[in-house]
Structures are given as structure tokens and as C-alpha cells.
């Protein structure tokens, strides 16, 4: 069976599993790889090349799933028409595409050049346009996933013996930076309420991912998000991420098997173990390290020239990460 036939078979198995559920081991019998990009397209040239870059990923015979880790414009374009244009591009992925939003899409829209407005209004539009069918990925061959009630962008699914979770955590200190474009010098009450609720949902999603991984005896947990929670400093940055990072540390240490967090946001490729670092343990007030937690930052931004391919391997590390140059 060719690659497309395999993708269709996997989708049929996922649908047979029931609404909102994937077929956990549909791809476990053979090699399984997934592609990761983020913080793109930035600027006219990247927008012009966006479909060609998607096509390159499509032609990779190893890839069976793709993920975009958020931030889809610079200069910021928060208009419905731009959202629709990018979603149309996402629809060109041959494989299921899991998309988690970034701050550029909504949290920073108070200062956008185009489509500026209240970030919460833009968040509602983003959900309406990109997630019209909760429980379905994007792409030409969408797959069933398990969505979180009230947060259609937050999803869980199993593939090749791994539990995946896409969780909506954004840069700009998880949207705790003031909406200065609207004349505010401090976070508004509605802003704080949104951050509190979304962070609580993120924590619930993370805990659910680890519970699902334990129940299904997964080899690893893979989490997909936009925010780089290990690159900043200061009290606002810490407040934006501390409850989430503490949850990641506790759940990873308890799980004991490999945990991979893929994020965008800071644009430079990085692979490290921040929850084994005294710096970050101290910063977030975490007592027990989690050396099994690996963080990989996907390259992005105005000079992005690569994407990542992660392949499930028969090795204790579970994943092999490769940096693939865009042609």
C-alpha cells in the first residue's frame, strides 16, 4: 500500500474508533514520523513560499502527521480574511495537521497593523475559523482527535504507542502582558479571567494526557504548544507559566518515561532538559526535577530555513529528531 493509502486506512480506523477518538496503534506496525513547523509564514516572501514548503513536507514519504506550533504572521495580521488564507494553506497538508495557536494570532492583536482589535474578540474569530469542527484535525485527510470542552484547539490522541496533546499556551507571558494598543498599562479584568481559565484548561489537558498515557501504557508523552516557557525572566513571565510548568514537572516525574514538549515562540532551535536545570527549578519553585522531560524549540521567524521530523524509534529515547532544510 502506498503512503496515501496508508493515510486513508489510518483515518478509516480512527473514524471506526468512534467520534472524537483516534485509533491508537493504527501506525504502530511500521515507522511513524511527524513534522513540526512554527512561527511562519513571516512576511511576504514566506507567505509566497508557504505552499511550496507545505508541498515539501507532503512529499516526505516518512511523514504521517504535521503540526504547526502557532504564530502565523509578522507584521501582525489579525483579520478574518488572513485567518482564512492561512487556514486554506493548512488545508493543503496531505496528512492530518494539528494546529495550536500563538500569541500573534490573537493575544497581540491589540497592536496589529491589520485587523487590530480586542484580543478576546480575535480569539473567538480564530476558533470559529480554524476549529469549526471540534474533534477533527485540519489537512486534506483530517483525523479524529479528542477535543477539550470549551477549548476546541486543545486535543488528545494516540499514535504509534505515544500519547499526544496539543495545548493552548502562548507567548507574551501567556497573555499577561498589558494590551497597550488599547491604552492599557496593566492587564484588564477580562484579560486576567481569560488567562486563568485557559491556564486551568491547559493544566487539565496535560493531566489528562498523562493519565491517558498511563492507561494505554504509552512509551512517551508528546506535548505541542506555542509558548517557550524556558527563555524569559521576571515576575510577569513567571506568573504566566508557573502553574503550568509545575504541573509538567510533577506529571513528568511521576510518569517516568520520556516526555517531549515541542514549542515555537523563541525562533531558535533548541533541545534541552529544563526541568533538570537548577536555574528553572529555582525560577518556578519546583522541588523535584524531571530529567525525563525534554524540550525542543522549533526554528521559526523571519529567517526560518528548516522544519523538524520526529520519528518513533526502537530506542529508550523513543523519538529521533531531525532538522530538515527547506529547499
Foldseek 3Di string as FASTA:
>chain_A
DALLVLLLQQQVQQVVVDAQAGDQESPQVDKAKEWEEEADDEDDVRLVCVLVLLVVVQPPRRYAEYEYAERYYPLQAQDLVVLLVVLVSLQARAHFYQYAYECSNALQLLPHPHPRDHSVVSVVSNCVRQPVDQQWTHYPRIHGWHADVPGSSWTWYHYNLEIETEAHAYPPLSSQQDSVSVPDRGHDPVSVVVLVVSLVVRLVSVVVSLVVCVVSVGQEYEYRHADDLPDDDDDSSLVSCLVVVLSVFVSLQVSVAAYEYEYEHVQDWDKDQQQVDPVNCVRSVNDDGRSSYIYTYFHYDDPDFWMWMWMQDPDSNRIDIDTGGRD
